[in-house]
N, C-alpha and C. Protein backbone atom coordinates (compact mmCIF):
# COMPACT_ATOMS: atom_id res chain seq x y z
N MET A 1 97.72 89.30 111.89
CA MET A 1 96.90 90.04 112.81
C MET A 1 95.99 90.73 111.88
N LYS A 2 94.81 91.28 112.62
CA LYS A 2 93.85 91.98 111.72
C LYS A 2 92.99 92.77 112.87
N ILE A 3 92.39 93.64 112.42
CA ILE A 3 91.49 94.48 113.31
C ILE A 3 90.20 93.58 113.57
N ARG A 4 89.85 93.74 114.80
CA ARG A 4 88.57 92.74 115.05
C ARG A 4 87.41 93.29 114.24
N GLN A 5 86.66 92.29 113.78
CA GLN A 5 85.80 92.69 112.84
C GLN A 5 84.33 91.91 113.24
N ASP A 6 83.53 92.65 114.12
CA ASP A 6 82.33 92.06 114.70
C ASP A 6 81.50 93.24 114.63
N SER A 7 80.06 93.08 114.95
CA SER A 7 79.04 93.92 114.90
C SER A 7 79.17 95.13 115.99
N SER A 8 80.13 94.81 117.05
CA SER A 8 80.18 95.77 117.94
C SER A 8 81.25 96.76 117.58
N LEU A 9 82.11 96.67 116.52
CA LEU A 9 83.06 97.70 116.18
C LEU A 9 82.57 98.33 114.95
N LEU A 10 82.15 99.67 114.87
CA LEU A 10 81.62 100.29 113.77
C LEU A 10 82.86 101.39 113.34
N TRP A 11 83.15 101.45 112.05
CA TRP A 11 84.19 102.38 111.72
C TRP A 11 83.95 102.89 110.27
N ARG A 12 84.39 104.12 110.01
CA ARG A 12 84.27 104.68 108.69
C ARG A 12 85.31 105.51 108.49
N VAL A 13 85.85 105.79 107.13
CA VAL A 13 86.72 106.62 106.62
C VAL A 13 86.22 108.05 106.31
N LEU A 14 86.58 109.04 107.03
CA LEU A 14 86.33 110.37 106.90
C LEU A 14 87.45 111.11 106.43
N ASP A 15 87.51 111.60 105.11
CA ASP A 15 88.56 112.19 104.64
C ASP A 15 89.73 111.28 104.62
N ASP A 16 91.10 111.72 105.29
CA ASP A 16 92.07 110.86 105.49
C ASP A 16 92.09 110.25 106.93
N GLU A 17 90.98 110.26 107.55
CA GLU A 17 91.03 109.81 108.84
C GLU A 17 90.06 108.53 109.14
N ILE A 18 90.28 107.82 110.24
CA ILE A 18 89.29 106.81 110.56
C ILE A 18 88.61 107.31 111.95
N VAL A 19 87.31 106.97 111.93
CA VAL A 19 86.60 107.30 113.17
C VAL A 19 85.96 105.95 113.56
N ALA A 20 86.04 105.39 114.65
CA ALA A 20 85.63 104.17 115.17
C ALA A 20 84.88 104.16 116.42
N LEU A 21 83.93 103.48 116.48
CA LEU A 21 83.02 103.33 117.84
C LEU A 21 83.10 101.78 118.16
N ASP A 22 83.72 101.54 119.45
CA ASP A 22 83.73 100.20 119.95
C ASP A 22 82.46 100.25 120.98
N LEU A 23 81.41 99.37 120.56
CA LEU A 23 80.30 99.34 121.37
C LEU A 23 80.33 98.48 122.63
N LYS A 24 81.36 97.42 122.51
CA LYS A 24 81.69 96.80 123.76
C LYS A 24 82.17 97.60 124.85
N SER A 25 83.03 98.55 124.46
CA SER A 25 83.52 99.34 125.69
C SER A 25 83.14 100.77 125.64
N SER A 26 82.20 101.04 124.67
CA SER A 26 81.58 102.42 124.40
C SER A 26 82.78 103.46 124.33
N THR A 27 83.81 103.02 123.59
CA THR A 27 84.89 103.95 123.35
C THR A 27 84.90 104.30 121.87
N TYR A 28 85.01 105.61 121.69
CA TYR A 28 85.12 106.44 120.39
C TYR A 28 86.72 106.67 120.17
N LEU A 29 87.11 106.22 119.02
CA LEU A 29 88.46 106.48 118.45
C LEU A 29 88.59 107.27 117.25
N ARG A 30 89.48 108.14 117.35
CA ARG A 30 89.73 108.98 115.83
C ARG A 30 91.20 108.66 115.50
N LEU A 31 91.59 108.24 114.36
CA LEU A 31 92.78 108.05 114.04
C LEU A 31 93.22 109.04 112.94
N ASN A 32 94.33 109.61 113.17
CA ASN A 32 94.73 110.51 112.14
C ASN A 32 95.22 109.97 110.84
N HIS A 33 95.69 110.51 109.74
CA HIS A 33 95.92 109.80 108.53
C HIS A 33 97.02 108.72 108.47
N THR A 34 98.05 108.78 109.57
CA THR A 34 98.93 107.71 109.73
C THR A 34 98.21 106.41 110.12
N GLY A 35 97.48 106.71 111.28
CA GLY A 35 96.82 105.67 111.89
C GLY A 35 95.83 105.00 110.83
N ALA A 36 95.26 105.94 110.08
CA ALA A 36 94.21 105.33 109.00
C ALA A 36 94.91 104.42 107.95
N VAL A 37 96.05 104.72 107.68
CA VAL A 37 96.93 103.87 106.89
C VAL A 37 97.15 102.50 107.38
N LEU A 38 97.67 102.57 108.72
CA LEU A 38 97.94 101.19 109.34
C LEU A 38 96.43 100.43 109.58
N TRP A 39 95.51 101.25 109.90
CA TRP A 39 94.07 100.68 110.34
C TRP A 39 93.78 99.70 108.94
N GLN A 40 93.75 100.62 107.88
CA GLN A 40 93.25 99.94 106.68
C GLN A 40 94.18 98.71 106.19
N THR A 41 95.44 98.95 106.46
CA THR A 41 96.26 97.47 106.24
C THR A 41 96.05 96.57 106.93
N LEU A 42 95.61 96.73 108.16
CA LEU A 42 95.29 95.73 109.22
C LEU A 42 93.72 95.11 108.82
N ARG A 43 93.04 95.96 108.22
CA ARG A 43 91.55 95.43 107.98
C ARG A 43 91.49 94.07 107.30
N ASP A 44 92.47 93.59 106.49
CA ASP A 44 92.38 92.34 105.72
C ASP A 44 93.23 91.39 106.28
N ALA A 45 94.01 91.84 107.31
CA ALA A 45 95.24 90.95 108.04
C ALA A 45 96.64 91.33 107.41
N ALA A 46 97.35 91.67 108.26
CA ALA A 46 98.80 92.05 107.75
C ALA A 46 99.73 91.82 108.85
N SER A 47 100.94 91.64 108.47
CA SER A 47 102.09 91.41 109.37
C SER A 47 102.60 92.65 109.91
N ARG A 48 103.41 92.51 110.96
CA ARG A 48 104.00 93.77 111.45
C ARG A 48 104.99 94.44 110.22
N GLU A 49 105.71 93.76 109.51
CA GLU A 49 106.49 94.01 108.38
C GLU A 49 105.71 94.69 107.36
N ALA A 50 104.53 94.20 107.10
CA ALA A 50 103.66 94.94 106.15
C ALA A 50 103.24 96.24 106.55
N LEU A 51 102.94 96.40 107.91
CA LEU A 51 102.66 97.78 108.42
C LEU A 51 103.87 98.79 108.16
N VAL A 52 104.96 98.26 108.79
CA VAL A 52 106.20 99.11 108.59
C VAL A 52 106.49 99.41 107.10
N GLY A 53 106.18 98.51 106.15
CA GLY A 53 106.60 98.90 104.88
C GLY A 53 105.39 99.91 104.33
N ALA A 54 104.26 99.90 104.71
CA ALA A 54 103.18 100.81 104.44
C ALA A 54 103.42 102.14 104.82
N LEU A 55 104.01 102.30 106.04
CA LEU A 55 104.40 103.74 106.43
C LEU A 55 105.73 104.29 105.80
N VAL A 56 106.61 103.54 105.54
CA VAL A 56 107.96 103.66 104.77
C VAL A 56 107.59 104.27 103.35
N GLU A 57 106.68 103.47 102.78
CA GLU A 57 106.23 103.76 101.28
C GLU A 57 105.49 104.98 101.16
N ARG A 58 104.37 105.06 102.09
CA ARG A 58 103.58 106.31 102.14
C ARG A 58 104.15 107.58 102.52
N TYR A 59 105.05 107.66 103.63
CA TYR A 59 105.62 108.80 104.11
C TYR A 59 107.08 108.97 103.97
N ASP A 60 107.77 108.02 103.31
CA ASP A 60 109.05 108.11 102.98
C ASP A 60 109.94 108.50 104.39
N ILE A 61 109.59 107.55 105.47
CA ILE A 61 110.33 107.78 106.67
C ILE A 61 111.24 106.61 106.95
N ALA A 62 112.29 106.68 107.79
CA ALA A 62 113.15 105.72 108.16
C ALA A 62 112.38 104.49 108.79
N GLU A 63 112.95 103.21 108.32
CA GLU A 63 112.20 102.27 108.69
C GLU A 63 112.27 102.01 110.27
N GLU A 64 113.32 102.44 111.03
CA GLU A 64 113.54 102.44 112.34
C GLU A 64 112.18 103.17 112.99
N ARG A 65 111.99 104.43 112.49
CA ARG A 65 110.94 105.17 113.00
C ARG A 65 109.58 104.51 112.69
N ALA A 66 109.43 104.13 111.48
CA ALA A 66 108.16 103.40 111.14
C ALA A 66 107.98 102.09 112.06
N ARG A 67 108.96 101.45 112.42
CA ARG A 67 108.70 100.34 113.49
C ARG A 67 108.29 100.74 114.84
N GLU A 68 108.95 101.85 115.15
CA GLU A 68 108.49 102.30 116.52
C GLU A 68 106.96 102.84 116.58
N ASP A 69 106.76 103.58 115.45
CA ASP A 69 105.28 104.00 115.37
C ASP A 69 104.28 102.82 115.23
N VAL A 70 104.56 101.79 114.46
CA VAL A 70 103.79 100.52 114.39
C VAL A 70 103.63 99.86 115.74
N ASP A 71 104.83 99.72 116.38
CA ASP A 71 104.78 99.12 117.75
C ASP A 71 103.89 99.81 118.77
N ILE A 72 103.85 101.14 118.66
CA ILE A 72 103.13 102.01 119.52
C ILE A 72 101.49 101.76 119.33
N PHE A 73 101.46 101.73 118.03
CA PHE A 73 99.97 101.70 117.39
C PHE A 73 99.31 100.28 117.72
N LEU A 74 100.27 99.15 117.56
CA LEU A 74 99.57 97.97 117.82
C LEU A 74 99.41 97.65 119.36
N ALA A 75 100.33 98.19 120.02
CA ALA A 75 100.27 98.04 121.57
C ALA A 75 98.90 98.72 122.07
N ASP A 76 98.50 99.96 121.51
CA ASP A 76 97.31 100.59 121.78
C ASP A 76 95.99 99.68 121.54
N LEU A 77 96.16 99.27 120.28
CA LEU A 77 95.01 98.51 119.69
C LEU A 77 94.76 97.19 120.50
N GLU A 78 96.04 96.61 121.01
CA GLU A 78 95.93 95.47 121.66
C GLU A 78 95.37 95.76 123.08
N LYS A 79 95.78 96.76 123.65
CA LYS A 79 95.24 97.08 124.95
C LYS A 79 93.81 97.36 124.91
N ARG A 80 93.21 97.89 123.68
CA ARG A 80 91.60 98.23 123.76
C ARG A 80 91.21 96.91 123.14
N GLY A 81 91.86 95.75 123.12
CA GLY A 81 91.11 94.60 122.61
C GLY A 81 90.54 94.55 121.06
N LEU A 82 91.09 95.42 120.27
CA LEU A 82 90.66 95.58 118.91
C LEU A 82 91.47 94.74 117.81
N LEU A 83 92.40 93.96 118.32
CA LEU A 83 93.01 92.98 117.38
C LEU A 83 92.62 91.79 117.47
N GLU A 84 92.82 91.06 116.31
CA GLU A 84 92.76 89.55 116.21
C GLU A 84 93.95 88.91 115.87
N THR A 85 94.48 87.94 116.49
CA THR A 85 95.86 87.42 115.82
C THR A 85 95.62 86.03 115.40
């Protein structure tokens, strides 16, 4: 899966965060540093396991916690129509 990449989705990295504008839905998103790690991992396509691994490696958290965070993140992106599978 990966982040939808078309001309209606604009995003930029600002410091450690992501700011995105979905022109299709006129929705503005701001992702904190954790969300930015996941977003950038998804940019070029990634599996759920790769996302979990990115969080575990970057933040030294338990794998179970990382899985929960990834599932919440992916569900939100899916609901917003921002994922391509």
